[in-house]
Amino acid sequence: MELDRLDRDIIAALVDDARQTYAEIGHRVGLSASAVKRRVDRLRELGAITGFSARVAPQALGWTTEAYVELFCQGKTKPSDIALAVARFPEVVGAATITGEADALLHIRATDVRHVERVIERIAAETFVVRTKSAIVLSRLVDATHNPSVPEVRNESPSIG
C-alpha cells in the first residue's frame, strides 16, 4: 500500500490525537474537513488505519511493574502455538518471535514483582517451554508509544560510485 505525504500527515495527526475533528486535522495538513474524512475512510478500507483507541497509563490501572521475558522452547514449537498459549495471560501485553537463542520475547505488565514472578511461573509451566530468562524494567528511557512518529518512506536507490 502506498501512502503519500498527506496520508502520512493525517496518520501522524491521528496518532497524536485521534479525537481531533476532521476540520482540525485539515487545518494542520492543509485540506478541507471533507477531504480529510475521505482520506481517513480510504486509509481504513486499505487497512493502513486499523482502529482508534485510548492510550491509558498502565499505572492508572495498577500495572506498575514491567518485565521482558525470553522464552526458550523445545523442538520446533510453532509461533502460533506460542501465541495461543501466551494470549491467555492478560499480563502479556506484547509478544514476538526473535532472532538469537530465545524463540520468543514477551513484554509483561503486572502489579508488582511477585505478580511478575507468578506469571512467569505459569508461562514456564507450558509444555513447550524449556526455560525462561527475564529482566525487570527499572525505568523507561524512551517510550515511542506516547509520541510515535510516522516514518518517511524513501524510494531512493543507493548511489554507487
C-alpha atoms as a PDB file:
ATOM      1  CA  MET A   1       0.000   0.000   0.000  1.00  0.00           C
ATOM      2  CA  GLU A   2       1.354   3.363  -0.985  1.00  0.00           C
ATOM      3  CA  LEU A   3       0.810   6.383   1.219  1.00  0.00           C
ATOM      4  CA  ASP A   4       1.541   9.895   0.050  1.00  0.00           C
ATOM      5  CA  ARG A   5       2.745  12.766   2.242  1.00  0.00           C
ATOM      6  CA  LEU A   6      -0.813  13.914   3.070  1.00  0.00           C
ATOM      7  CA  ASP A   7      -1.790  10.375   4.138  1.00  0.00           C
ATOM      8  CA  ARG A   8       1.266  10.258   6.419  1.00  0.00           C
ATOM      9  CA  ASP A   9       0.480  13.701   7.849  1.00  0.00           C
ATOM     10  CA  ILE A  10      -3.124  12.672   8.539  1.00  0.00           C
ATOM     11  CA  ILE A  11      -1.963   9.455  10.221  1.00  0.00           C
ATOM     12  CA  ALA A  12       0.551  11.423  12.307  1.00  0.00           C
ATOM     13  CA  ALA A  13      -2.220  13.817  13.385  1.00  0.00           C
ATOM     14  CA  LEU A  14      -4.475  10.898  14.346  1.00  0.00           C
ATOM     15  CA  VAL A  15      -1.685   9.173  16.253  1.00  0.00           C
ATOM     16  CA  ASP A  16      -1.043  12.429  18.092  1.00  0.00           C
ATOM     17  CA  ASP A  17      -4.729  12.837  18.992  1.00  0.00           C
ATOM     18  CA  ALA A  18      -7.406  10.654  17.400  1.00  0.00           C
ATOM     19  CA  ARG A  19     -10.137  12.797  18.989  1.00  0.00           C
ATOM     20  CA  GLN A  20      -9.339  15.750  16.742  1.00  0.00           C
ATOM     21  CA  THR A  21     -12.062  16.766  14.332  1.00  0.00           C
ATOM     22  CA  TYR A  22     -11.552  16.366  10.612  1.00  0.00           C
ATOM     23  CA  ALA A  23     -11.528  20.177  10.418  1.00  0.00           C
ATOM     24  CA  GLU A  24      -8.682  20.386  12.958  1.00  0.00           C
ATOM     25  CA  ILE A  25      -6.688  17.776  11.087  1.00  0.00           C
ATOM     26  CA  GLY A  26      -7.451  19.527   7.810  1.00  0.00           C
ATOM     27  CA  HIS A  27      -6.144  22.812   9.216  1.00  0.00           C
ATOM     28  CA  ARG A  28      -2.951  21.028  10.265  1.00  0.00           C
ATOM     29  CA  VAL A  29      -2.358  19.302   6.895  1.00  0.00           C
ATOM     30  CA  GLY A  30      -3.858  21.866   4.524  1.00  0.00           C
ATOM     31  CA  LEU A  31      -7.066  20.067   3.445  1.00  0.00           C
ATOM     32  CA  SER A  32     -10.787  20.581   3.951  1.00  0.00           C
ATOM     33  CA  ALA A  33     -12.586  18.523   6.595  1.00  0.00           C
ATOM     34  CA  SER A  34     -14.417  16.546   3.893  1.00  0.00           C
ATOM     35  CA  ALA A  35     -11.145  15.747   2.091  1.00  0.00           C
ATOM     36  CA  VAL A  36      -9.637  14.523   5.363  1.00  0.00           C
ATOM     37  CA  LYS A  37     -12.699  12.341   6.018  1.00  0.00           C
ATOM     38  CA  ARG A  38     -12.459  10.804   2.538  1.00  0.00           C
ATOM     39  CA  ARG A  39      -8.780  10.040   3.077  1.00  0.00           C
ATOM     40  CA  VAL A  40      -9.368   8.568   6.551  1.00  0.00           C
ATOM     41  CA  ASP A  41     -12.162   6.381   5.155  1.00  0.00           C
ATOM     42  CA  ARG A  42      -9.841   5.217   2.349  1.00  0.00           C
ATOM     43  CA  LEU A  43      -6.991   4.564   4.807  1.00  0.00           C
ATOM     44  CA  ARG A  44      -9.359   2.448   6.920  1.00  0.00           C
ATOM     45  CA  GLU A  45     -10.523   0.496   3.842  1.00  0.00           C
ATOM     46  CA  LEU A  46      -6.898  -0.125   2.836  1.00  0.00           C
ATOM     47  CA  GLY A  47      -6.081  -1.364   6.340  1.00  0.00           C
ATOM     48  CA  ALA A  48      -3.490   1.368   6.957  1.00  0.00           C
ATOM     49  CA  ILE A  49      -5.642   2.564   9.872  1.00  0.00           C
ATOM     50  CA  THR A  50      -6.851  -0.438  11.828  1.00  0.00           C
ATOM     51  CA  GLY A  51      -8.835   1.332  14.529  1.00  0.00           C
ATOM     52  CA  PHE A  52      -8.894   4.010  17.179  1.00  0.00           C
ATOM     53  CA  SER A  53      -8.267   3.578  20.882  1.00  0.00           C
ATOM     54  CA  ALA A  54      -7.460   5.394  24.092  1.00  0.00           C
ATOM     55  CA  ARG A  55      -3.935   5.280  25.499  1.00  0.00           C
ATOM     56  CA  VAL A  56      -4.163   4.624  29.204  1.00  0.00           C
ATOM     57  CA  ALA A  57      -1.242   4.931  31.597  1.00  0.00           C
ATOM     58  CA  PRO A  58      -0.610   1.394  32.904  1.00  0.00           C
ATOM     59  CA  GLN A  59      -0.041   2.877  36.374  1.00  0.00           C
ATOM     60  CA  ALA A  60      -3.639   4.146  36.376  1.00  0.00           C
ATOM     61  CA  LEU A  61      -4.733   0.506  36.188  1.00  0.00           C
ATOM     62  CA  GLY A  62      -2.292  -0.629  38.872  1.00  0.00           C
ATOM     63  CA  TRP A  63       0.234  -2.147  36.409  1.00  0.00           C
ATOM     64  CA  THR A  64       3.338  -0.533  37.921  1.00  0.00           C
ATOM     65  CA  THR A  65       5.898  -3.237  37.132  1.00  0.00           C
ATOM     66  CA  GLU A  66       7.024  -4.463  33.744  1.00  0.00           C
ATOM     67  CA  ALA A  67       9.386  -7.155  32.556  1.00  0.00           C
ATOM     68  CA  TYR A  68      10.704  -8.689  29.374  1.00  0.00           C
ATOM     69  CA  VAL A  69      10.850 -12.474  29.302  1.00  0.00           C
ATOM     70  CA  GLU A  70      12.730 -14.581  26.787  1.00  0.00           C
ATOM     71  CA  LEU A  71      11.116 -17.948  26.072  1.00  0.00           C
ATOM     72  CA  PHE A  72      13.240 -20.930  25.118  1.00  0.00           C
ATOM     73  CA  CYS A  73      11.045 -23.624  23.590  1.00  0.00           C
ATOM     74  CA  GLN A  74      11.598 -27.278  22.867  1.00  0.00           C
ATOM     75  CA  GLY A  75      11.968 -28.656  19.366  1.00  0.00           C
ATOM     76  CA  LYS A  76      10.202 -26.907  16.567  1.00  0.00           C
ATOM     77  CA  THR A  77       7.497 -25.139  18.553  1.00  0.00           C
ATOM     78  CA  LYS A  78       5.370 -23.171  16.118  1.00  0.00           C
ATOM     79  CA  PRO A  79       4.978 -19.429  16.685  1.00  0.00           C
ATOM     80  CA  SER A  80       1.203 -19.896  16.501  1.00  0.00           C
ATOM     81  CA  ASP A  81       1.375 -22.306  19.470  1.00  0.00           C
ATOM     82  CA  ILE A  82       3.370 -19.777  21.478  1.00  0.00           C
ATOM     83  CA  ALA A  83       0.922 -17.002  20.555  1.00  0.00           C
ATOM     84  CA  LEU A  84      -2.083 -19.100  21.527  1.00  0.00           C
ATOM     85  CA  ALA A  85      -0.575 -20.007  24.905  1.00  0.00           C
ATOM     86  CA  VAL A  86       0.602 -16.532  25.941  1.00  0.00           C
ATOM     87  CA  ALA A  87      -2.567 -14.793  24.723  1.00  0.00           C
ATOM     88  CA  ARG A  88      -4.351 -16.390  27.701  1.00  0.00           C
ATOM     89  CA  PHE A  89      -2.359 -14.160  30.069  1.00  0.00           C
ATOM     90  CA  PRO A  90      -3.702 -10.587  30.278  1.00  0.00           C
ATOM     91  CA  GLU A  91      -0.353  -9.550  31.748  1.00  0.00           C
ATOM     92  CA  VAL A  92       1.364 -10.321  28.422  1.00  0.00           C
ATOM     93  CA  VAL A  93       0.976  -7.035  26.559  1.00  0.00           C
ATOM     94  CA  GLY A  94       3.340  -7.911  23.729  1.00  0.00           C
ATOM     95  CA  ALA A  95       4.941 -10.997  22.256  1.00  0.00           C
ATOM     96  CA  ALA A  96       7.221 -11.571  19.283  1.00  0.00           C
ATOM     97  CA  THR A  97       9.413 -14.243  17.785  1.00  0.00           C
ATOM     98  CA  ILE A  98      13.016 -13.061  17.740  1.00  0.00           C
ATOM     99  CA  THR A  99      16.451 -13.834  16.399  1.00  0.00           C
ATOM    100  CA  GLY A 100      19.130 -15.205  18.691  1.00  0.00           C
ATOM    101  CA  GLU A 101      18.996 -18.063  21.158  1.00  0.00           C
ATOM    102  CA  ALA A 102      15.491 -17.438  22.520  1.00  0.00           C
ATOM    103  CA  ASP A 103      12.425 -18.348  20.497  1.00  0.00           C
ATOM    104  CA  ALA A 104      10.194 -15.507  21.676  1.00  0.00           C
ATOM    105  CA  LEU A 105      10.229 -12.336  23.730  1.00  0.00           C
ATOM    106  CA  LEU A 106       7.297 -11.401  25.957  1.00  0.00           C
ATOM    107  CA  HIS A 107       6.507  -7.986  27.404  1.00  0.00           C
ATOM    108  CA  ILE A 108       4.717  -8.348  30.730  1.00  0.00           C
ATOM    109  CA  ARG A 109       2.983  -5.705  32.854  1.00  0.00           C
ATOM    110  CA  ALA A 110       1.972  -6.541  36.401  1.00  0.00           C
ATOM    111  CA  THR A 111       1.107  -5.003  39.761  1.00  0.00           C
ATOM    112  CA  ASP A 112       4.432  -5.850  41.415  1.00  0.00           C
ATOM    113  CA  VAL A 113       7.476  -8.147  41.177  1.00  0.00           C
ATOM    114  CA  ARG A 114       5.669 -11.027  42.899  1.00  0.00           C
ATOM    115  CA  HIS A 115       2.899 -10.776  40.296  1.00  0.00           C
ATOM    116  CA  VAL A 116       5.520 -10.909  37.502  1.00  0.00           C
ATOM    117  CA  GLU A 117       7.036 -13.978  39.169  1.00  0.00           C
ATOM    118  CA  ARG A 118       3.661 -15.768  39.285  1.00  0.00           C
ATOM    119  CA  VAL A 119       3.010 -15.009  35.615  1.00  0.00           C
ATOM    120  CA  ILE A 120       6.454 -16.303  34.615  1.00  0.00           C
ATOM    121  CA  GLU A 121       5.875 -19.470  36.662  1.00  0.00           C
ATOM    122  CA  ARG A 122       2.565 -20.095  34.862  1.00  0.00           C
ATOM    123  CA  ILE A 123       4.105 -19.454  31.446  1.00  0.00           C
ATOM    124  CA  ALA A 124       7.115 -21.658  32.274  1.00  0.00           C
ATOM    125  CA  ALA A 125       4.674 -24.486  33.070  1.00  0.00           C
ATOM    126  CA  GLU A 126       3.526 -24.582  29.423  1.00  0.00           C
ATOM    127  CA  THR A 127       4.540 -27.953  27.943  1.00  0.00           C
ATOM    128  CA  PHE A 128       6.704 -26.457  25.183  1.00  0.00           C
ATOM    129  CA  VAL A 129       8.709 -24.081  27.424  1.00  0.00           C
ATOM    130  CA  VAL A 130      12.189 -25.359  28.310  1.00  0.00           C
ATOM    131  CA  ARG A 131      13.288 -22.271  30.242  1.00  0.00           C
ATOM    132  CA  THR A 132      12.799 -18.541  30.583  1.00  0.00           C
ATOM    133  CA  LYS A 133      15.130 -15.612  31.098  1.00  0.00           C
ATOM    134  CA  SER A 134      13.655 -12.398  32.453  1.00  0.00           C
ATOM    135  CA  ALA A 135      14.592  -8.794  33.025  1.00  0.00           C
ATOM    136  CA  ILE A 136      12.628  -6.350  35.174  1.00  0.00           C
ATOM    137  CA  VAL A 137      12.375  -2.806  33.805  1.00  0.00           C
ATOM    138  CA  LEU A 138      13.823  -0.263  36.235  1.00  0.00           C
ATOM    139  CA  SER A 139      12.972   2.883  34.295  1.00  0.00           C
ATOM    140  CA  ARG A 140      11.692   3.603  30.817  1.00  0.00           C
ATOM    141  CA  LEU A 141      14.111   5.827  28.915  1.00  0.00           C
ATOM    142  CA  VAL A 142      12.237   6.141  25.610  1.00  0.00           C
ATOM    143  CA  ASP A 143       8.585   5.333  25.081  1.00  0.00           C
ATOM    144  CA  ALA A 144       7.600   5.888  21.451  1.00  0.00           C
ATOM    145  CA  THR A 145       4.042   4.688  22.133  1.00  0.00           C
ATOM    146  CA  HIS A 146       3.331   8.085  23.696  1.00  0.00           C
ATOM    147  CA  ASN A 147       4.908  10.111  20.903  1.00  0.00           C
ATOM    148  CA  PRO A 148       5.210   7.913  17.827  1.00  0.00           C
ATOM    149  CA  SER A 149       6.360   9.323  14.558  1.00  0.00           C
ATOM    150  CA  VAL A 150       5.294   8.226  11.127  1.00  0.00           C
ATOM    151  CA  PRO A 151       8.499   7.378   9.271  1.00  0.00           C
ATOM    152  CA  GLU A 152       9.096   8.846   5.866  1.00  0.00           C
ATOM    153  CA  VAL A 153       9.426   6.173   3.193  1.00  0.00           C
ATOM    154  CA  ARG A 154      12.136   6.847   0.696  1.00  0.00           C
ATOM    155  CA  ASN A 155      12.185   5.259  -2.714  1.00  0.00           C
ATOM    156  CA  GLU A 156      15.797   6.124  -3.316  1.00  0.00           C
ATOM    157  CA  SER A 157      18.345   3.759  -4.760  1.00  0.00           C
ATOM    158  CA  PRO A 158      21.716   3.879  -3.089  1.00  0.00           C
ATOM    159  CA  SER A 159      24.255   5.590  -5.291  1.00  0.00           C
ATOM    160  CA  ILE A 160      27.228   3.540  -6.255  1.00  0.00           C
ATOM    161  CA  GLY A 161      30.193   5.414  -7.222  1.00  0.00           C
END
